[in-house]
């Protein structure tokens, strides 16, 4: 049997480290988002989520509301009467628009 030179452990570990297949891709995508007016979705705090869930529980069909929600990489606002509240599928319908609870950032 031939005596093969062994690779040092530090060099072996480098084989399994993650790498970017296309360098600069993340930066290029972020620049495109900025150019097209895309904004990232805001993450709500636990307190904000609790307040929002409490608000959902209070809503009834016919209530007048103003809803801020995330759609197509931007925030939108719709005002009108609550048409339907679906607690099973977690959606709210206002002005014929079905909005997932998870996309809603504010209900006034």
N, C-alpha and C. Protein backbone atom coordinates (compact mmCIF):
# COMPACT_ATOMS: atom_id res chain seq x y z
N UNK A 1 0.83 -1.16 0.00
CA UNK A 1 0.00 0.00 0.00
C UNK A 1 0.88 1.24 0.00
N UNK A 2 0.51 2.22 -0.84
CA UNK A 2 1.29 3.44 -0.94
C UNK A 2 0.98 4.36 0.23
N UNK A 3 1.98 5.11 0.63
CA UNK A 3 1.82 6.09 1.70
C UNK A 3 1.37 7.41 1.09
N UNK A 4 0.12 7.77 1.29
CA UNK A 4 -0.40 9.02 0.73
C UNK A 4 -0.23 10.14 1.73
N UNK A 5 0.03 11.30 1.22
CA UNK A 5 0.14 12.47 2.10
C UNK A 5 -1.26 12.83 2.58
N UNK A 6 -1.40 13.02 3.84
CA UNK A 6 -2.71 13.36 4.40
C UNK A 6 -2.89 14.86 4.40
N UNK A 7 -4.13 15.25 4.14
CA UNK A 7 -4.48 16.65 4.16
C UNK A 7 -4.66 17.08 5.61
N UNK A 8 -4.11 18.22 6.01
CA UNK A 8 -4.32 18.69 7.38
C UNK A 8 -5.80 18.93 7.66
N UNK A 9 -6.22 18.73 8.91
CA UNK A 9 -7.62 18.90 9.28
C UNK A 9 -8.16 20.28 8.90
N UNK A 10 -7.36 21.31 9.09
CA UNK A 10 -7.83 22.67 8.78
C UNK A 10 -8.17 22.82 7.29
N UNK A 11 -7.42 22.14 6.44
CA UNK A 11 -7.69 22.19 5.00
C UNK A 11 -8.90 21.34 4.64
N UNK A 12 -9.05 20.19 5.31
CA UNK A 12 -10.20 19.32 5.05
C UNK A 12 -11.51 20.02 5.39
N UNK A 13 -11.53 20.76 6.47
CA UNK A 13 -12.75 21.45 6.90
C UNK A 13 -13.20 22.48 5.86
N UNK A 14 -12.29 23.10 5.16
CA UNK A 14 -12.63 24.11 4.16
C UNK A 14 -13.47 23.54 3.02
N UNK A 15 -13.35 22.24 2.77
CA UNK A 15 -14.12 21.61 1.70
C UNK A 15 -15.62 21.70 1.95
N UNK A 16 -16.00 21.76 3.21
CA UNK A 16 -17.41 21.71 3.57
C UNK A 16 -18.00 23.07 3.95
N UNK A 17 -17.23 24.11 3.82
CA UNK A 17 -17.72 25.44 4.18
C UNK A 17 -18.64 25.96 3.07
N UNK A 18 -19.71 26.70 3.46
CA UNK A 18 -20.61 27.25 2.44
C UNK A 18 -19.90 28.31 1.61
N UNK A 19 -20.35 28.45 0.39
CA UNK A 19 -19.79 29.48 -0.48
C UNK A 19 -20.89 30.04 -1.36
N UNK A 20 -20.68 31.23 -1.86
CA UNK A 20 -21.64 31.85 -2.78
C UNK A 20 -21.26 31.41 -4.19
N UNK A 21 -22.17 30.70 -4.84
CA UNK A 21 -21.89 30.19 -6.19
C UNK A 21 -21.67 31.34 -7.17
N UNK A 22 -22.41 32.42 -6.97
CA UNK A 22 -22.26 33.59 -7.83
C UNK A 22 -21.94 34.77 -6.90
N UNK A 23 -20.71 35.19 -6.94
CA UNK A 23 -20.34 36.28 -6.02
C UNK A 23 -21.03 37.57 -6.43
N UNK A 24 -21.52 38.29 -5.42
CA UNK A 24 -22.19 39.56 -5.66
C UNK A 24 -23.67 39.45 -5.97
N UNK A 25 -24.22 38.24 -6.01
CA UNK A 25 -25.62 38.06 -6.36
C UNK A 25 -26.55 38.73 -5.35
N UNK A 26 -26.28 38.52 -4.06
CA UNK A 26 -27.14 39.12 -3.04
C UNK A 26 -27.16 40.64 -3.14
N UNK A 27 -26.02 41.24 -3.37
CA UNK A 27 -25.94 42.70 -3.49
C UNK A 27 -26.69 43.18 -4.74
N UNK A 28 -26.57 42.45 -5.83
CA UNK A 28 -27.25 42.83 -7.07
C UNK A 28 -28.77 42.74 -6.91
N UNK A 29 -29.24 41.69 -6.23
CA UNK A 29 -30.68 41.55 -6.01
C UNK A 29 -31.21 42.67 -5.13
N UNK A 30 -30.47 43.02 -4.10
CA UNK A 30 -30.89 44.11 -3.21
C UNK A 30 -30.94 45.45 -3.97
N UNK A 31 -30.00 45.67 -4.85
CA UNK A 31 -30.00 46.89 -5.65
C UNK A 31 -31.21 46.94 -6.58
N UNK A 32 -31.56 45.81 -7.19
CA UNK A 32 -32.75 45.74 -8.06
C UNK A 32 -34.01 46.05 -7.26
N UNK A 33 -34.11 45.50 -6.05
CA UNK A 33 -35.27 45.77 -5.20
C UNK A 33 -35.39 47.26 -4.92
N UNK A 34 -34.27 47.90 -4.62
CA UNK A 34 -34.29 49.34 -4.35
C UNK A 34 -34.71 50.12 -5.59
N UNK A 35 -34.21 49.74 -6.74
CA UNK A 35 -34.54 50.44 -8.00
C UNK A 35 -36.02 50.34 -8.32
N UNK A 36 -36.64 49.21 -8.01
CA UNK A 36 -38.04 48.99 -8.35
C UNK A 36 -38.99 49.37 -7.22
N UNK A 37 -38.47 50.00 -6.18
CA UNK A 37 -39.31 50.47 -5.10
C UNK A 37 -39.84 49.37 -4.20
N UNK A 38 -39.17 48.24 -4.15
CA UNK A 38 -39.59 47.15 -3.27
C UNK A 38 -39.08 47.42 -1.86
N UNK A 39 -39.94 47.18 -0.90
CA UNK A 39 -39.49 47.32 0.48
C UNK A 39 -39.65 46.00 1.21
N UNK A 40 -38.74 45.72 2.12
CA UNK A 40 -38.83 44.45 2.86
C UNK A 40 -40.01 44.47 3.83
N UNK A 41 -40.51 43.31 4.13
CA UNK A 41 -41.61 43.19 5.07
C UNK A 41 -41.09 43.44 6.49
N UNK A 42 -41.79 44.29 7.22
CA UNK A 42 -41.41 44.59 8.60
C UNK A 42 -41.79 43.43 9.51
N UNK A 43 -40.95 43.18 10.48
CA UNK A 43 -41.23 42.14 11.46
C UNK A 43 -41.85 42.81 12.69
N UNK A 44 -43.03 42.33 13.09
CA UNK A 44 -43.73 42.92 14.22
C UNK A 44 -43.23 42.31 15.53
N UNK A 45 -43.23 43.13 16.58
CA UNK A 45 -42.83 42.64 17.91
C UNK A 45 -43.95 41.77 18.49
N UNK A 46 -43.64 41.07 19.56
CA UNK A 46 -44.64 40.24 20.23
C UNK A 46 -45.82 41.09 20.70
N UNK A 47 -45.54 42.28 21.23
CA UNK A 47 -46.59 43.17 21.71
C UNK A 47 -47.49 43.61 20.56
N UNK A 48 -46.88 43.96 19.43
CA UNK A 48 -47.66 44.38 18.26
C UNK A 48 -48.53 43.24 17.75
N UNK A 49 -47.98 42.02 17.73
CA UNK A 49 -48.76 40.86 17.29
C UNK A 49 -49.93 40.59 18.21
N UNK A 50 -49.71 40.70 19.52
CA UNK A 50 -50.79 40.50 20.48
C UNK A 50 -51.89 41.54 20.29
N UNK A 51 -51.50 42.80 20.11
CA UNK A 51 -52.48 43.87 19.91
C UNK A 51 -53.27 43.63 18.63
N UNK A 52 -52.59 43.21 17.58
CA UNK A 52 -53.25 42.94 16.31
C UNK A 52 -54.21 41.77 16.42
N UNK A 53 -53.81 40.71 17.10
CA UNK A 53 -54.70 39.56 17.30
C UNK A 53 -55.92 39.96 18.12
N UNK A 54 -55.72 40.82 19.11
CA UNK A 54 -56.85 41.33 19.89
C UNK A 54 -57.80 42.12 19.02
N UNK A 55 -57.25 42.89 18.12
CA UNK A 55 -58.07 43.69 17.19
C UNK A 55 -58.87 42.78 16.26
N UNK A 56 -58.25 41.72 15.77
CA UNK A 56 -58.96 40.76 14.91
C UNK A 56 -60.16 40.16 15.65
N UNK A 57 -59.97 39.86 16.93
CA UNK A 57 -61.04 39.26 17.73
C UNK A 57 -62.22 40.23 17.91
N UNK A 58 -61.95 41.53 17.91
CA UNK A 58 -62.99 42.54 18.10
C UNK A 58 -63.79 42.83 16.83
N UNK A 59 -63.18 42.60 15.67
CA UNK A 59 -63.80 42.99 14.41
C UNK A 59 -65.07 42.20 14.10
N UNK A 60 -66.02 42.88 13.51
CA UNK A 60 -67.28 42.27 13.08
C UNK A 60 -67.58 42.75 11.66
N UNK A 61 -68.26 41.91 10.86
CA UNK A 61 -68.67 42.37 9.53
C UNK A 61 -69.46 43.68 9.64
N UNK A 62 -69.14 44.61 8.78
CA UNK A 62 -69.78 45.92 8.78
C UNK A 62 -68.96 47.00 9.47
N UNK A 63 -67.96 46.61 10.27
CA UNK A 63 -67.10 47.60 10.93
C UNK A 63 -66.29 48.35 9.87
N UNK A 64 -66.15 49.65 10.08
CA UNK A 64 -65.31 50.47 9.20
C UNK A 64 -63.87 50.39 9.69
N UNK A 65 -62.95 50.06 8.79
CA UNK A 65 -61.54 49.89 9.17
C UNK A 65 -60.62 50.51 8.12
N UNK A 66 -59.40 50.71 8.55
CA UNK A 66 -58.30 51.09 7.65
C UNK A 66 -57.23 50.04 7.92
N UNK A 67 -56.83 49.30 6.89
CA UNK A 67 -55.90 48.18 7.03
C UNK A 67 -54.63 48.45 6.22
N UNK A 68 -53.49 48.35 6.91
CA UNK A 68 -52.21 48.42 6.21
C UNK A 68 -51.71 46.99 6.08
N UNK A 69 -51.34 46.59 4.85
CA UNK A 69 -50.91 45.21 4.61
C UNK A 69 -49.81 45.16 3.56
N UNK A 70 -49.09 44.07 3.55
CA UNK A 70 -47.96 43.87 2.64
C UNK A 70 -48.42 43.04 1.45
N UNK A 71 -48.16 43.56 0.25
CA UNK A 71 -48.56 42.87 -0.98
C UNK A 71 -47.62 43.25 -2.12
N UNK A 72 -47.15 42.28 -2.84
CA UNK A 72 -46.25 42.51 -3.99
C UNK A 72 -45.06 43.40 -3.63
N UNK A 73 -44.40 43.08 -2.52
CA UNK A 73 -43.17 43.74 -2.08
C UNK A 73 -43.35 45.21 -1.65
N UNK A 74 -44.57 45.61 -1.35
CA UNK A 74 -44.82 46.97 -0.87
C UNK A 74 -45.98 46.96 0.11
N UNK A 75 -46.05 48.00 0.93
CA UNK A 75 -47.17 48.15 1.84
C UNK A 75 -48.28 48.94 1.16
N UNK A 76 -49.50 48.49 1.38
CA UNK A 76 -50.69 49.15 0.82
C UNK A 76 -51.67 49.41 1.95
N UNK A 77 -52.58 50.33 1.71
CA UNK A 77 -53.62 50.64 2.69
C UNK A 77 -54.96 50.60 1.99
N UNK A 78 -55.93 49.98 2.66
CA UNK A 78 -57.30 49.93 2.14
C UNK A 78 -58.23 50.35 3.27
N UNK A 79 -59.22 51.16 2.93
CA UNK A 79 -60.22 51.59 3.91
C UNK A 79 -61.59 51.16 3.43
N UNK A 80 -62.42 50.71 4.36
CA UNK A 80 -63.77 50.30 3.99
C UNK A 80 -64.38 49.43 5.06
N UNK A 81 -65.49 48.80 4.69
CA UNK A 81 -66.22 47.93 5.61
C UNK A 81 -65.66 46.52 5.60
N UNK A 82 -65.60 45.93 6.78
CA UNK A 82 -65.20 44.52 6.89
C UNK A 82 -66.33 43.69 6.29
N UNK A 83 -66.01 42.90 5.28
CA UNK A 83 -67.01 42.05 4.63
C UNK A 83 -67.02 40.66 5.25
N UNK A 84 -65.82 40.16 5.59
CA UNK A 84 -65.74 38.80 6.13
C UNK A 84 -64.47 38.66 6.96
N UNK A 85 -64.58 37.88 8.04
CA UNK A 85 -63.43 37.52 8.86
C UNK A 85 -63.41 36.00 8.91
N UNK A 86 -62.38 35.41 8.33
CA UNK A 86 -62.26 33.95 8.30
C UNK A 86 -61.17 33.53 9.28
N UNK A 87 -61.60 33.04 10.46
CA UNK A 87 -60.62 32.66 11.48
C UNK A 87 -59.96 31.32 11.19
N UNK A 88 -60.56 30.50 10.34
CA UNK A 88 -59.96 29.22 9.98
C UNK A 88 -58.78 29.44 9.03
N UNK A 89 -59.02 30.18 7.95
CA UNK A 89 -57.97 30.46 6.98
C UNK A 89 -57.22 31.74 7.28
N UNK A 90 -57.61 32.42 8.39
CA UNK A 90 -56.95 33.63 8.87
C UNK A 90 -56.85 34.71 7.80
N UNK A 91 -58.02 35.08 7.26
CA UNK A 91 -58.07 36.16 6.28
C UNK A 91 -59.15 37.17 6.68
N UNK A 92 -58.96 38.38 6.19
CA UNK A 92 -59.89 39.47 6.40
C UNK A 92 -60.24 40.02 5.02
N UNK A 93 -61.54 40.17 4.75
CA UNK A 93 -61.96 40.72 3.46
C UNK A 93 -62.48 42.13 3.68
N UNK A 94 -61.85 43.08 2.97
CA UNK A 94 -62.24 44.49 3.00
C UNK A 94 -62.25 44.97 1.55
N UNK A 95 -63.35 45.57 1.13
CA UNK A 95 -63.48 46.09 -0.24
C UNK A 95 -63.18 45.02 -1.30
N UNK A 96 -63.60 43.79 -1.04
CA UNK A 96 -63.40 42.71 -1.99
C UNK A 96 -61.99 42.15 -2.03
N UNK A 97 -61.13 42.60 -1.12
CA UNK A 97 -59.74 42.14 -1.08
C UNK A 97 -59.58 41.20 0.11
N UNK A 98 -59.15 39.97 -0.16
CA UNK A 98 -58.85 39.03 0.91
C UNK A 98 -57.40 39.24 1.34
N UNK A 99 -57.21 39.53 2.62
CA UNK A 99 -55.88 39.83 3.15
C UNK A 99 -55.56 38.82 4.24
N UNK A 100 -54.44 38.12 4.10
CA UNK A 100 -54.02 37.17 5.13
C UNK A 100 -53.61 37.93 6.38
N UNK A 101 -54.02 37.41 7.54
CA UNK A 101 -53.67 38.05 8.81
C UNK A 101 -52.16 38.29 8.90
N UNK A 102 -51.37 37.34 8.42
CA UNK A 102 -49.91 37.44 8.51
C UNK A 102 -49.32 38.59 7.69
N UNK A 103 -50.09 39.11 6.74
CA UNK A 103 -49.61 40.21 5.90
C UNK A 103 -50.05 41.58 6.44
N UNK A 104 -50.89 41.58 7.46
CA UNK A 104 -51.44 42.82 8.00
C UNK A 104 -50.48 43.37 9.05
N UNK A 105 -50.16 44.66 8.93
CA UNK A 105 -49.29 45.29 9.93
C UNK A 105 -50.08 46.21 10.87
N UNK A 106 -51.27 46.66 10.42
CA UNK A 106 -52.05 47.56 11.27
C UNK A 106 -53.52 47.56 10.86
N UNK A 107 -54.39 47.62 11.86
CA UNK A 107 -55.82 47.75 11.63
C UNK A 107 -56.32 48.89 12.52
N UNK A 108 -56.88 49.92 11.89
CA UNK A 108 -57.39 51.07 12.65
C UNK A 108 -58.89 51.13 12.48
